[in-house]
Protein backbone atom coordinates (compact mmCIF):
# COMPACT_ATOMS: atom_id res chain seq x y z
CA UNK A 1 67.57 59.12 -212.73
CA UNK A 2 65.62 58.70 -209.49
CA UNK A 3 62.87 61.14 -208.58
CA UNK A 4 64.60 62.70 -205.60
CA UNK A 5 68.25 62.48 -206.63
CA UNK A 6 70.65 62.24 -209.53
CA UNK A 7 73.51 61.03 -207.34
CA UNK A 8 74.06 59.57 -203.90
CA UNK A 9 75.92 61.43 -201.17
CA UNK A 10 79.06 59.39 -201.75
CA UNK A 11 79.16 59.56 -205.53
CA UNK A 12 80.28 63.02 -206.58
CA UNK A 13 83.94 63.61 -207.47
CA UNK A 14 86.06 66.20 -209.29
CA UNK A 15 84.87 64.89 -212.65
CA UNK A 16 81.37 66.10 -211.75
CA UNK A 17 82.49 69.73 -211.25
CA UNK A 18 80.20 72.09 -213.18
CA UNK A 19 77.32 69.61 -213.36
CA UNK A 20 73.81 70.31 -212.14
CA UNK A 21 72.93 67.61 -209.60
CA UNK A 22 70.33 66.68 -207.01
CA UNK A 23 71.10 64.81 -203.83
CA UNK A 24 68.78 63.72 -201.01
CA UNK A 25 69.39 62.63 -197.45
CA UNK A 26 69.36 63.63 -193.82
CA UNK A 27 70.60 67.05 -192.79
CA UNK A 28 73.37 65.90 -190.48
CA UNK A 29 74.86 69.24 -189.50
CA UNK A 30 74.62 72.97 -190.11
CA UNK A 31 77.45 75.40 -189.42
CA UNK A 32 76.73 79.11 -189.83
CA UNK A 33 79.58 81.47 -190.79
CA UNK A 34 78.28 84.96 -190.27
CA UNK A 35 74.87 85.89 -191.63
CA UNK A 36 75.33 85.02 -195.29
CA UNK A 37 77.37 81.84 -195.38
CA UNK A 38 76.63 78.29 -194.14
CA UNK A 39 77.97 74.77 -194.46
CA UNK A 40 75.44 71.91 -194.49
CA UNK A 41 76.37 68.23 -194.39
CA UNK A 42 73.88 65.89 -196.06
CA UNK A 43 74.06 62.17 -195.28
CA UNK A 44 72.40 59.21 -196.96
CA UNK A 45 72.99 55.45 -196.85
CA UNK A 46 76.16 55.77 -198.94
CA UNK A 47 78.00 58.68 -197.35
CA UNK A 48 78.05 62.46 -196.93
CA UNK A 49 78.31 65.53 -199.14
CA UNK A 50 79.04 69.10 -198.13
CA UNK A 51 76.67 71.83 -199.29
CA UNK A 52 77.83 75.47 -199.18
CA UNK A 53 75.00 78.01 -198.94
CA UNK A 54 75.77 81.55 -200.07
CA UNK A 55 72.20 82.79 -200.52
CA UNK A 56 70.45 84.72 -197.73
CA UNK A 57 67.10 83.20 -198.71
CA UNK A 58 68.42 79.66 -198.51
CA UNK A 59 70.23 80.38 -195.25
CA UNK A 60 66.98 81.67 -193.79
CA UNK A 61 65.24 78.49 -194.99
CA UNK A 62 67.89 76.20 -193.49
CA UNK A 63 67.69 77.96 -190.12
CA UNK A 64 64.10 76.72 -189.86
CA UNK A 65 64.98 73.10 -190.51
CA UNK A 66 65.87 70.81 -187.60
CA UNK A 67 68.83 68.45 -187.89
CA UNK A 68 67.96 64.94 -189.13
CA UNK A 69 65.19 66.25 -191.38
CA UNK A 70 65.33 64.67 -194.82
CA UNK A 71 66.01 67.20 -197.54
CA UNK A 72 66.80 67.36 -201.22
CA UNK A 73 69.40 69.75 -202.59
CA UNK A 74 69.61 70.89 -206.21
CA UNK A 75 72.69 72.77 -207.30
CA UNK A 76 76.03 72.88 -209.05
CA UNK A 77 79.12 70.87 -208.13
CA UNK A 78 82.32 72.82 -207.61
CA UNK A 79 85.83 72.01 -206.36
CA UNK A 80 86.55 72.74 -202.71
CA UNK A 81 89.15 75.35 -201.94
CA UNK A 82 90.13 73.33 -198.85
CA UNK A 83 89.73 69.60 -199.66
CA UNK A 84 89.04 67.14 -196.87
CA UNK A 85 91.08 63.96 -197.51
CA UNK A 86 89.19 62.08 -194.76
CA UNK A 87 85.93 62.33 -196.69
CA UNK A 88 85.28 60.38 -199.90
CA UNK A 89 83.57 63.43 -201.40
CA UNK A 90 86.07 65.77 -199.75
CA UNK A 91 87.30 67.37 -202.98
CA UNK A 92 83.92 68.78 -204.01
CA UNK A 93 80.93 70.63 -202.62
CA UNK A 94 77.52 71.64 -203.92
CA UNK A 95 76.35 75.23 -204.27
CA UNK A 96 72.55 74.92 -204.03
CA UNK A 97 69.85 76.65 -205.98
CA UNK A 98 66.96 74.89 -204.26
CA UNK A 99 66.49 73.06 -200.97
CA UNK A 100 63.30 71.10 -200.31
CA UNK A 101 62.21 69.42 -197.08
CA UNK A 102 61.06 65.86 -197.83
CA UNK A 103 60.49 64.73 -194.25
CA UNK A 104 60.67 67.18 -191.39
CA UNK A 105 62.20 66.29 -188.02
CA UNK A 106 59.77 67.88 -185.58
CA UNK A 107 62.05 67.76 -182.55
CA UNK A 108 64.70 70.35 -181.71
CA UNK A 109 66.54 67.87 -179.48
CA UNK A 110 67.49 64.34 -180.49
CA UNK A 111 67.73 61.44 -177.98
CA UNK A 112 71.44 61.28 -178.81
CA UNK A 113 73.90 62.63 -181.34
CA UNK A 114 73.60 60.32 -184.36
CA UNK A 115 77.31 59.88 -185.05
CA UNK A 116 77.96 59.18 -181.34
CA UNK A 117 74.95 56.97 -180.70
CA UNK A 118 77.15 54.07 -179.55
CA UNK A 119 78.09 56.16 -176.53
CA UNK A 120 74.45 56.56 -175.53
CA UNK A 121 72.57 54.49 -172.95
CA UNK A 122 71.58 51.11 -174.42
CA UNK A 123 67.92 51.57 -173.51
CA UNK A 124 67.84 54.80 -175.51
CA UNK A 125 69.61 53.16 -178.43
CA UNK A 126 67.09 50.31 -178.52
CA UNK A 127 64.08 52.58 -178.07
CA UNK A 128 65.21 54.81 -180.93
CA UNK A 129 66.89 52.08 -182.95
CA UNK A 130 65.83 53.72 -186.23
CA UNK A 131 67.97 56.72 -185.24
CA UNK A 132 70.80 54.52 -183.94
CA UNK A 133 70.93 52.78 -187.33
CA UNK A 134 71.52 56.12 -189.06
CA UNK A 135 74.97 56.09 -187.48
CA UNK A 136 77.32 54.75 -190.19
CA UNK A 137 79.31 52.86 -187.53
CA UNK A 138 76.16 50.98 -186.50
CA UNK A 139 74.84 50.55 -190.02
CA UNK A 140 78.07 48.91 -191.22
CA UNK A 141 77.42 45.86 -189.03
CA UNK A 142 74.05 45.30 -190.68
CA UNK A 143 75.63 45.70 -194.12
CA UNK A 144 78.29 43.19 -193.07
CA UNK A 145 75.54 40.79 -192.00
CA UNK A 146 73.88 41.07 -195.42
CA UNK A 147 77.16 40.45 -197.24
CA UNK A 148 78.05 37.47 -195.08
CA UNK A 149 74.65 35.83 -195.58
CA UNK A 150 74.90 36.39 -199.34
CA UNK A 151 78.37 34.81 -199.37
CA UNK A 152 77.14 31.84 -197.34
CA UNK A 153 74.21 31.28 -199.69
CA UNK A 154 76.49 31.41 -202.72
CA UNK A 155 78.98 28.99 -201.20
CA UNK A 156 76.34 26.50 -200.08
CA UNK A 157 74.68 26.45 -203.49
CA UNK A 158 78.08 25.92 -205.11
CA UNK A 159 78.32 22.80 -202.94
CA UNK A 160 74.98 21.57 -204.35
CA UNK A 161 72.85 22.38 -201.32
CA UNK A 162 69.21 23.30 -201.87
CA UNK A 163 67.72 26.15 -199.83
CA UNK A 164 64.44 24.86 -198.42
CA UNK A 165 62.30 26.74 -195.90
CA UNK A 166 60.70 24.80 -193.06
CA UNK A 167 57.58 25.67 -191.01
CA UNK A 168 57.49 28.39 -188.38
CA UNK A 169 54.29 27.10 -186.74
CA UNK A 170 54.96 23.59 -185.53
CA UNK A 171 54.57 21.26 -182.54
CA UNK A 172 56.24 21.72 -179.18
CA UNK A 173 59.32 19.52 -178.89
CA UNK A 174 61.62 18.78 -175.94
CA UNK A 175 64.84 20.27 -177.35
CA UNK A 176 66.38 21.75 -174.22
CA UNK A 177 65.03 25.32 -174.06
CA UNK A 178 61.59 26.76 -173.40
CA UNK A 179 59.25 27.07 -176.36
CA UNK A 180 57.39 30.14 -177.50
CA UNK A 181 53.79 28.96 -177.74
CA UNK A 182 51.12 30.21 -180.15
CA UNK A 183 47.47 29.47 -179.30
CA UNK A 184 45.50 27.72 -182.06
CA UNK A 185 42.20 29.56 -182.55
CA UNK A 186 40.53 26.67 -184.37
CA UNK A 187 41.71 24.14 -181.82
CA UNK A 188 40.76 25.42 -178.34
CA UNK A 189 43.25 24.46 -175.64
CA UNK A 190 45.94 23.49 -178.14
CA UNK A 191 49.08 25.36 -179.13
CA UNK A 192 51.58 25.63 -181.91
CA UNK A 193 55.22 26.24 -180.98
CA UNK A 194 57.76 28.40 -182.76
CA UNK A 195 60.67 26.11 -183.71
CA UNK A 196 63.72 26.12 -181.46
CA UNK A 197 65.49 24.84 -184.59
CA UNK A 198 64.39 23.06 -187.79
CA UNK A 199 65.96 19.87 -186.38
CA UNK A 200 63.18 17.38 -187.09
CA UNK A 201 62.16 18.94 -190.39
CA UNK A 202 65.66 18.81 -191.85
CA UNK A 203 66.01 15.18 -190.83
CA UNK A 204 62.64 14.46 -192.43
CA UNK A 205 63.92 16.10 -195.62
CA UNK A 206 66.78 13.60 -195.67
CA UNK A 207 64.26 10.78 -195.22
CA UNK A 208 62.22 12.33 -198.07
CA UNK A 209 65.09 11.83 -200.50
CA UNK A 210 66.65 15.29 -200.55
CA UNK A 211 70.42 14.97 -200.52
CA UNK A 212 71.70 18.35 -199.28
CA UNK A 213 69.59 20.96 -197.52
CA UNK A 214 70.31 24.38 -196.03
CA UNK A 215 68.52 27.54 -195.00
CA UNK A 216 69.23 30.72 -193.09
CA UNK A 217 66.82 29.56 -190.44
CA UNK A 218 65.05 31.65 -187.78
CA UNK A 219 65.01 29.89 -184.41
CA UNK A 220 62.99 30.82 -181.35
CA UNK A 221 63.95 30.05 -177.76
CA UNK A 222 62.59 31.57 -174.58
CA UNK A 223 65.94 31.85 -172.81
CA UNK A 224 67.93 34.52 -171.03
CA UNK A 225 70.25 36.89 -172.87
CA UNK A 226 74.05 36.77 -172.77
CA UNK A 227 76.74 38.72 -174.55
CA UNK A 228 76.81 36.09 -177.32
CA UNK A 229 73.12 35.15 -177.22
CA UNK A 230 70.07 37.24 -178.01
CA UNK A 231 66.79 36.36 -176.30
CA UNK A 232 63.79 35.45 -178.41
CA UNK A 233 64.99 34.74 -181.92
CA UNK A 234 68.25 34.11 -183.67
CA UNK A 235 69.38 32.86 -187.08
CA UNK A 236 71.57 29.96 -188.06
CA UNK A 237 73.05 28.39 -191.16
CA UNK A 238 71.08 25.18 -190.87
CA UNK A 239 72.38 22.33 -193.02
CA UNK A 240 71.97 18.57 -193.37
CA UNK A 241 73.53 15.98 -195.67
CA UNK A 242 72.29 12.49 -196.56
CA UNK A 243 74.68 9.52 -196.72
CA UNK A 244 77.17 11.63 -194.81
CA UNK A 245 79.67 11.15 -192.02
CA UNK A 246 81.14 13.58 -189.53
CA UNK A 247 84.09 14.16 -191.86
CA UNK A 248 81.75 15.08 -194.73
CA UNK A 249 80.20 17.84 -192.62
CA UNK A 250 83.63 19.02 -191.53
CA UNK A 251 84.85 19.18 -195.13
CA UNK A 252 81.95 21.43 -196.19
CA UNK A 253 82.33 23.99 -193.41
CA UNK A 254 86.13 23.93 -193.62
CA UNK A 255 85.72 24.94 -197.25
CA UNK A 256 82.87 27.44 -196.80
CA UNK A 257 83.83 29.43 -193.69
CA UNK A 258 87.56 30.34 -193.89
CA UNK A 259 87.27 32.40 -197.11
CA UNK A 260 84.26 34.28 -195.67
CA UNK A 261 86.09 35.00 -192.41
CA UNK A 262 89.25 36.05 -194.26
CA UNK A 263 87.31 38.35 -196.61
CA UNK A 264 84.81 39.96 -194.23
CA UNK A 265 86.49 39.67 -190.85
CA UNK A 266 88.19 42.30 -188.74
CA UNK A 267 91.25 40.07 -189.16
CA UNK A 268 92.20 38.66 -192.55
CA UNK A 269 93.78 35.44 -191.27
CA UNK A 270 91.60 32.37 -190.68
CA UNK A 271 92.34 28.71 -190.04
CA UNK A 272 92.62 26.57 -193.14
CA UNK A 273 91.46 22.97 -193.49
CA UNK A 274 91.67 20.74 -191.66
CA UNK A 275 90.67 22.43 -188.41
CA UNK A 276 92.08 20.94 -185.22
CA UNK A 277 90.01 18.09 -183.75
CA UNK A 278 90.04 18.09 -179.95
CA UNK A 279 88.20 15.41 -177.91
CA UNK A 280 85.84 16.91 -175.35
CA UNK A 281 87.62 15.46 -172.31
CA UNK A 282 91.01 16.61 -173.59
CA UNK A 283 89.66 20.10 -174.19
CA UNK A 284 88.30 20.31 -170.66
CA UNK A 285 91.53 19.10 -169.08
CA UNK A 286 93.93 21.04 -171.32
CA UNK A 287 92.00 24.31 -171.73
CA UNK A 288 89.42 24.23 -168.93
CA UNK A 289 86.63 24.70 -171.47
CA UNK A 290 84.79 22.94 -174.29
CA UNK A 291 85.10 26.15 -176.33
CA UNK A 292 88.81 26.97 -176.12
CA UNK A 293 90.32 30.11 -177.58
CA UNK A 294 93.28 28.63 -179.44
CA UNK A 295 94.79 32.05 -180.06
CA UNK A 296 96.01 31.76 -176.47
CA UNK A 297 99.10 29.53 -176.18
CA UNK A 298 98.61 28.77 -172.46
CA UNK A 299 97.54 25.31 -171.29
CA UNK A 300 96.11 23.95 -168.06
CA UNK A 301 98.21 21.37 -166.23
CA UNK A 302 97.33 19.08 -163.34
CA UNK A 303 99.62 19.41 -160.30
CA UNK A 304 97.40 17.58 -157.79
CA UNK A 305 99.98 14.86 -157.14
CA UNK A 306 102.77 17.38 -156.57
CA UNK A 307 101.06 19.56 -153.97
CA UNK A 308 98.74 17.20 -152.10
CA UNK A 309 101.13 16.82 -149.16
CA UNK A 310 101.60 20.55 -148.55
CA UNK A 311 100.02 22.25 -145.56
CA UNK A 312 97.70 24.38 -147.72
CA UNK A 313 94.14 23.10 -147.14
CA UNK A 314 92.70 23.55 -150.67
CA UNK A 315 95.55 21.37 -152.04
CA UNK A 316 94.71 18.44 -149.72
CA UNK A 317 94.36 14.88 -151.09
CA UNK A 318 91.01 14.36 -152.80
CA UNK A 319 90.97 17.80 -154.35
CA UNK A 320 92.01 18.48 -157.93
CA UNK A 321 94.63 21.20 -158.41
CA UNK A 322 95.09 22.83 -161.83
CA UNK A 323 97.77 25.33 -162.81
CA UNK A 324 98.33 27.79 -165.65
CA UNK A 325 101.94 28.94 -166.00
CA UNK A 326 102.60 32.23 -167.81
CA UNK A 327 106.22 32.85 -168.74
CA UNK A 328 107.63 36.36 -169.10
CA UNK A 329 104.72 37.79 -167.15
CA UNK A 330 105.30 41.28 -165.74
CA UNK A 331 101.88 41.80 -164.14
CA UNK A 332 102.11 43.74 -160.88
CA UNK A 333 100.86 42.35 -157.57
CA UNK A 334 97.91 44.75 -157.77
CA UNK A 335 97.06 43.52 -161.27
CA UNK A 336 97.33 39.88 -160.22
CA UNK A 337 95.02 40.45 -157.23
CA UNK A 338 92.49 42.18 -159.48
CA UNK A 339 92.67 39.32 -161.97
CA UNK A 340 92.08 36.78 -159.18
CA UNK A 341 89.03 38.74 -158.03
CA UNK A 342 87.66 38.81 -161.59
CA UNK A 343 88.20 35.06 -161.97
CA UNK A 344 86.34 34.40 -158.71
CA UNK A 345 83.41 36.56 -159.82
CA UNK A 346 83.12 34.78 -163.18
CA UNK A 347 83.92 31.21 -162.11
CA UNK A 348 82.47 31.29 -158.63
CA UNK A 349 85.62 29.87 -157.04
CA UNK A 350 88.71 31.53 -155.62
CA UNK A 351 92.02 31.07 -157.51
CA UNK A 352 95.51 31.18 -156.01
CA UNK A 353 98.89 32.17 -157.40
CA UNK A 354 102.64 32.25 -157.01
CA UNK A 355 105.53 33.24 -159.23
CA UNK A 356 109.21 32.44 -159.79
CA UNK A 357 111.24 35.54 -159.07
CA UNK A 358 114.40 36.73 -160.83
CA UNK A 359 116.51 34.62 -158.46
CA UNK A 360 114.70 31.42 -159.35
CA UNK A 361 112.82 31.29 -156.04
CA UNK A 362 109.06 30.79 -155.59
CA UNK A 363 107.49 33.95 -154.18
CA UNK A 364 104.15 35.60 -153.50
CA UNK A 365 100.69 34.15 -153.01
CA UNK A 366 100.82 30.51 -151.85
CA UNK A 367 104.57 30.14 -152.50
CA UNK A 368 105.34 29.65 -148.78
CA UNK A 369 103.52 26.29 -148.88
CA UNK A 370 105.40 24.98 -151.93
CA UNK A 371 109.04 24.83 -150.85
CA UNK A 372 109.11 21.03 -150.70
CA UNK A 373 107.82 20.62 -154.25
CA UNK A 374 109.69 23.47 -155.96
CA UNK A 375 111.82 21.20 -158.16
CA UNK A 376 108.88 19.05 -159.24
CA UNK A 377 106.78 22.12 -160.04
CA UNK A 378 109.67 23.69 -161.95
CA UNK A 379 110.06 20.60 -164.11
CA UNK A 380 106.36 19.99 -164.82
CA UNK A 381 105.39 23.62 -165.42
CA UNK A 382 108.64 24.63 -167.12
CA UNK A 383 109.17 27.47 -164.67
CA UNK A 384 111.72 30.16 -165.45
CA UNK A 385 112.37 33.49 -163.70
CA UNK A 386 109.43 35.80 -164.34
CA UNK A 387 106.85 33.00 -164.66
CA UNK A 388 103.48 33.62 -162.98
CA UNK A 389 101.44 30.54 -162.01
CA UNK A 390 97.69 30.78 -161.41
CA UNK A 391 96.21 27.85 -159.50
CA UNK A 392 92.68 26.45 -159.10
CA UNK A 393 91.77 23.84 -156.50
CA UNK A 394 88.64 21.99 -155.42
CA UNK A 395 86.28 19.38 -156.79
CA UNK A 396 87.21 18.30 -160.30
CA UNK A 397 84.58 20.25 -162.23
CA UNK A 398 85.06 23.36 -160.09
CA UNK A 399 88.84 23.32 -160.54
CA UNK A 400 88.54 22.76 -164.29
CA UNK A 401 86.03 25.60 -164.71
CA UNK A 402 88.15 28.01 -162.66
CA UNK A 403 91.30 27.05 -164.57
CA UNK A 404 89.52 27.72 -167.86
CA UNK A 405 88.54 31.21 -166.75
CA UNK A 406 92.10 31.84 -165.48
CA UNK A 407 93.59 30.75 -168.81
CA UNK A 408 91.32 33.06 -170.78
CA UNK A 409 91.87 36.09 -168.55
CA UNK A 410 95.65 35.59 -168.43
CA UNK A 411 95.75 35.28 -172.21
CA UNK A 412 93.93 38.59 -172.54
CA UNK A 413 96.19 40.23 -169.95
CA UNK A 414 99.48 39.00 -171.45
CA UNK A 415 99.84 40.05 -175.12
CA UNK A 416 102.82 37.75 -175.73
CA UNK A 417 100.60 34.74 -175.13
CA UNK A 418 97.71 35.66 -177.39
CA UNK A 419 97.72 36.18 -181.16
CA UNK A 420 94.59 38.32 -181.32
CA UNK A 421 94.47 39.18 -185.00
CA UNK A 422 93.31 35.90 -186.47
CA UNK A 423 90.36 33.51 -186.51
CA UNK A 424 91.30 30.16 -185.01
CA UNK A 425 88.80 27.35 -185.58
CA UNK A 426 88.62 23.94 -183.99
CA UNK A 427 86.23 21.02 -183.73
CA UNK A 428 85.35 19.64 -180.31
CA UNK A 429 84.50 15.97 -180.79
CA UNK A 430 83.64 12.82 -178.80
CA UNK A 431 81.08 14.42 -176.49
CA UNK A 432 79.58 12.25 -173.76
CA UNK A 433 76.26 10.75 -174.83
CA UNK A 434 74.89 10.80 -171.29
CA UNK A 435 75.39 12.61 -168.00
CA UNK A 436 73.93 12.55 -164.50
CA UNK A 437 71.31 15.28 -164.26
CA UNK A 438 71.96 17.92 -161.60
CA UNK A 439 68.32 17.96 -160.51
CA UNK A 440 67.24 14.39 -161.19
CA UNK A 441 70.43 12.64 -160.10
CA UNK A 442 69.72 10.11 -162.85
CA UNK A 443 71.08 9.38 -166.30
CA UNK A 444 70.05 11.97 -168.92
CA UNK A 445 71.06 12.91 -172.44
CA UNK A 446 74.08 15.17 -172.29
CA UNK A 447 73.29 17.14 -175.44
CA UNK A 448 71.28 16.20 -178.53
CA UNK A 449 69.09 13.09 -178.12
CA UNK A 450 69.10 12.64 -181.90
CA UNK A 451 72.85 11.93 -182.01
CA UNK A 452 74.18 8.52 -183.00
CA UNK A 453 76.09 6.86 -180.15
CA UNK A 454 79.63 5.98 -181.18
CA UNK A 455 79.52 2.20 -181.51
CA UNK A 456 75.82 2.12 -182.36
CA UNK A 457 73.49 -0.47 -180.88
CA UNK A 458 76.29 -2.69 -179.63
CA UNK A 459 77.65 -0.14 -177.16
CA UNK A 460 74.15 0.57 -175.80
CA UNK A 461 73.56 -3.15 -175.24
CA UNK A 462 76.88 -3.42 -173.39
CA UNK A 463 75.81 -0.58 -171.10
CA UNK A 464 72.43 -2.21 -170.58
CA UNK A 465 74.14 -5.46 -169.55
CA UNK A 466 76.40 -3.56 -167.16
CA UNK A 467 79.55 -4.38 -169.11
CA UNK A 468 80.44 -0.70 -169.47
CA UNK A 469 79.51 2.52 -167.69
CA UNK A 470 76.95 4.44 -169.79
CA UNK A 471 78.80 7.67 -168.87
CA UNK A 472 81.72 6.43 -171.01
CA UNK A 473 79.58 6.27 -174.16
CA UNK A 474 80.42 9.06 -176.57
CA UNK A 475 78.23 10.48 -179.31
CA UNK A 476 79.07 11.23 -182.92
CA UNK A 477 78.52 14.84 -182.02
CA UNK A 478 80.71 17.87 -182.59
CA UNK A 479 80.92 21.59 -181.84
CA UNK A 480 82.52 24.21 -184.06
CA UNK A 481 84.46 26.78 -182.02
CA UNK A 482 86.16 29.97 -183.17
CA UNK A 483 88.21 32.25 -180.91
CA UNK A 484 86.57 30.81 -177.81
CA UNK A 485 83.02 31.24 -179.15
CA UNK A 486 80.85 28.20 -179.84
CA UNK A 487 79.43 28.76 -183.31
CA UNK A 488 77.36 25.60 -183.49
CA UNK A 489 76.67 22.04 -182.50
CA UNK A 490 76.11 19.22 -184.93
CA UNK A 491 75.94 15.46 -185.07
CA UNK A 492 75.67 12.32 -187.08
CA UNK A 493 71.99 11.56 -186.54
CA UNK A 494 70.49 8.47 -184.98
CA UNK A 495 68.47 7.37 -187.99
CA UNK A 496 67.79 3.76 -186.92
CA UNK A 497 64.55 3.28 -184.91
CA UNK A 498 65.98 0.30 -183.02
CA UNK A 499 69.05 2.26 -181.90
CA UNK A 500 66.90 5.31 -181.15
CA UNK A 501 64.57 3.35 -178.86
CA UNK A 502 67.49 1.74 -177.05
CA UNK A 503 69.16 5.15 -176.58
CA UNK A 504 65.97 6.53 -175.03
CA UNK A 505 65.48 3.45 -172.86
CA UNK A 506 68.77 4.35 -171.19
CA UNK A 507 67.07 7.49 -169.85
CA UNK A 508 63.89 5.67 -168.83
CA UNK A 509 61.84 6.44 -171.95
CA UNK A 510 60.33 3.59 -173.93
CA UNK A 511 59.16 3.11 -177.50
CA UNK A 512 55.77 4.65 -176.78
CA UNK A 513 57.44 7.75 -175.36
CA UNK A 514 59.55 8.11 -178.51
CA UNK A 515 56.49 7.69 -180.73
CA UNK A 516 54.59 10.27 -178.70
CA UNK A 517 57.37 12.88 -178.54
CA UNK A 518 58.66 12.47 -182.11
CA UNK A 519 55.85 10.80 -184.08
CA UNK A 520 56.70 12.08 -187.55
CA UNK A 521 60.41 11.39 -187.31
CA UNK A 522 60.02 7.96 -185.73
CA UNK A 523 57.45 6.86 -188.32
CA UNK A 524 59.51 8.27 -191.19
CA UNK A 525 62.60 6.38 -190.03
CA UNK A 526 60.56 3.18 -190.08
CA UNK A 527 60.21 3.64 -193.85
CA UNK A 528 63.95 3.50 -194.41
CA UNK A 529 66.08 6.53 -193.56
CA UNK A 530 69.55 7.20 -194.97
CA UNK A 531 72.47 7.86 -192.64
CA UNK A 532 72.66 11.63 -192.35
CA UNK A 533 74.53 14.35 -190.49
CA UNK A 534 74.37 18.10 -190.09
CA UNK A 535 75.23 21.22 -188.20
CA UNK A 536 73.93 24.78 -187.75
CA UNK A 537 76.45 27.61 -187.18
CA UNK A 538 74.86 30.72 -185.67
CA UNK A 539 74.69 33.65 -188.09
CA UNK A 540 74.50 36.26 -185.33
CA UNK A 541 77.56 34.88 -183.53
CA UNK A 542 79.47 34.60 -186.79
CA UNK A 543 78.82 38.24 -187.68
CA UNK A 544 79.67 39.29 -184.11
CA UNK A 545 83.08 37.64 -184.48
CA UNK A 546 83.65 39.09 -187.94
CA UNK A 547 82.77 42.62 -186.81
CA UNK A 548 84.86 42.41 -183.65
CA UNK A 549 81.88 43.34 -181.48
CA UNK A 550 81.54 42.20 -177.86
CA UNK A 551 77.72 42.14 -177.84
CA UNK A 552 75.54 40.22 -180.25
CA UNK A 553 72.97 43.03 -180.18
CA UNK A 554 75.35 45.17 -182.24
CA UNK A 555 74.87 42.92 -185.30
CA UNK A 556 71.08 42.46 -185.14
CA UNK A 557 68.92 45.07 -186.91
CA UNK A 558 66.23 45.30 -184.22
CA UNK A 559 67.39 43.47 -181.09
CA UNK A 560 65.52 42.97 -177.84
CA UNK A 561 67.03 44.04 -174.56
CA UNK A 562 68.36 41.66 -171.90
CA UNK A 563 64.84 41.13 -170.56
CA UNK A 564 63.51 39.98 -173.94
CA UNK A 565 61.64 43.25 -174.38
CA UNK A 566 61.35 45.18 -177.64
CA UNK A 567 61.35 48.67 -176.14
CA UNK A 568 60.92 50.26 -179.57
CA UNK A 569 57.72 48.40 -180.52
CA UNK A 570 56.50 47.84 -176.96
CA UNK A 571 56.54 44.05 -177.12
CA UNK A 572 55.45 41.97 -175.35
CA UNK A 573 52.21 43.85 -174.75
CA UNK A 574 48.69 43.27 -173.51
CA UNK A 575 45.97 42.50 -176.05
CA UNK A 576 42.26 43.18 -176.18
CA UNK A 577 39.85 40.88 -174.36
CA UNK A 578 38.21 40.08 -177.70
CA UNK A 579 41.46 38.56 -178.96
CA UNK A 580 41.81 36.47 -175.81
CA UNK A 581 38.22 35.26 -176.13
CA UNK A 582 38.77 34.19 -179.74
CA UNK A 583 41.75 32.13 -178.61
CA UNK A 584 39.94 30.70 -175.58
CA UNK A 585 42.59 32.16 -173.26
CA UNK A 586 42.00 33.50 -169.77
CA UNK A 587 44.68 35.59 -168.07
CA UNK A 588 44.47 34.53 -164.44
CA UNK A 589 47.35 36.55 -162.99
CA UNK A 590 49.53 39.34 -164.28
CA UNK A 591 52.48 41.17 -162.77
CA UNK A 592 52.93 44.80 -163.73
CA UNK A 593 56.22 45.64 -165.47
């Protein structure tokens, strides 16, 4: 027996009728019936229990207690005369003999109604997150998160992975995002960095002789928020395997994730092994995205050659024209125009459209320009009466991006073309090793500089000699995508110092640069490193998918807002001058929030 309760608020049933019990929780609601009768609902972590007060003294006491105060109730369980089948404890109620206030709520008005907190303004929810979390609908996502992490840990250990924690205070490393820096008091002018990921440490563990590593790793990146990305910190299932190939990594996650998604997900259907493997370039051309939602059966098709001789300017030779055909589409003209506006807002480029009417004629939108190519379009796109065709035109990358947004929005708008109630995984493979930087105009790493180039040293030497275009080099790198959400990136690592130096020389960095930027890893690899590979699916994104939430903040216990501010704790905040002096820091300019 616990000090403040004999049972939880979701435990009592008909078999407890007649027993003396004690429950504790928050006073969720009070309903007075006349002057000598009241119903009180008590809520704890587990559920709710109804308390029926028939004593004038206790009614007088309850009237002085604000809602959301924590109370304990001692009394006798009895059967309800009017059971509530929607409530787990709906067949019983407690007739109290004693009510004690354990923690008084000192405010008559709450920032929001607890059970409707999700309807409140987000700023209020984040400021009073401890009240928001009292809402069972909010709390269930955090419980789900706990259960998912426990299931992941169990599955990884069953696959002989060791959970090893890596440092939080480390050195700044050029990994793509901005670091959070921590001043070093004992080393004036120097800084630690919070890890953007345990990337180097997990590779060093492989070099140290550990065979399989994982951890539920906190990662810190000073980047802007999105619906699927929280600013500041996030967590990932970080894993690495020695003497492993890409297929070894795939096999582990294809065994670990589907049962977890099927058991804990909003939908109970998940892809089984093997997941589809889609080359990056094919994914971009076929789906307009490197994170395709495969629940949508629509594909992007190129019609540039068919329409280049029309009189419509955007279809002129030199432009790329992409089309998404949607059969059996009954969207109204108003709906289509709204969809086109939404696509333009999201993609930044205007889409076009036409449809095949019930008579088999092209109509609406840009149809008047397409008469000469009707037969060719009908054959390539498989047009039938009722088919809507959305079209993107422009430079290659712009057309592809716009087509990808069109495909996704049309899939959501047309239920017959999207099987929503499932989790559809795929691997995106064969990523480009290099790209031309938008700002520099020169060759840069496309993604992870630690990835092994497909073809190893030989392909790098061919590029160096001018025998091949370095932009055609692919990396042994892969992304895991589920329902259009990128869960993680991974790679077979470049563990050979000679290949590593040559890879960096391609982007104008020499051996000394590699030694300076990655001293521990470079030196460790010089002592004989095993081939190794890994990946790191995001925990927050996984739980967001499983819960069916649209925002990642709904699955994080204490999230920051979009401006990376913790409005509940008041972080970031100013500090005392004494603290700055100890750290040898001078604040030279400061903008008021």
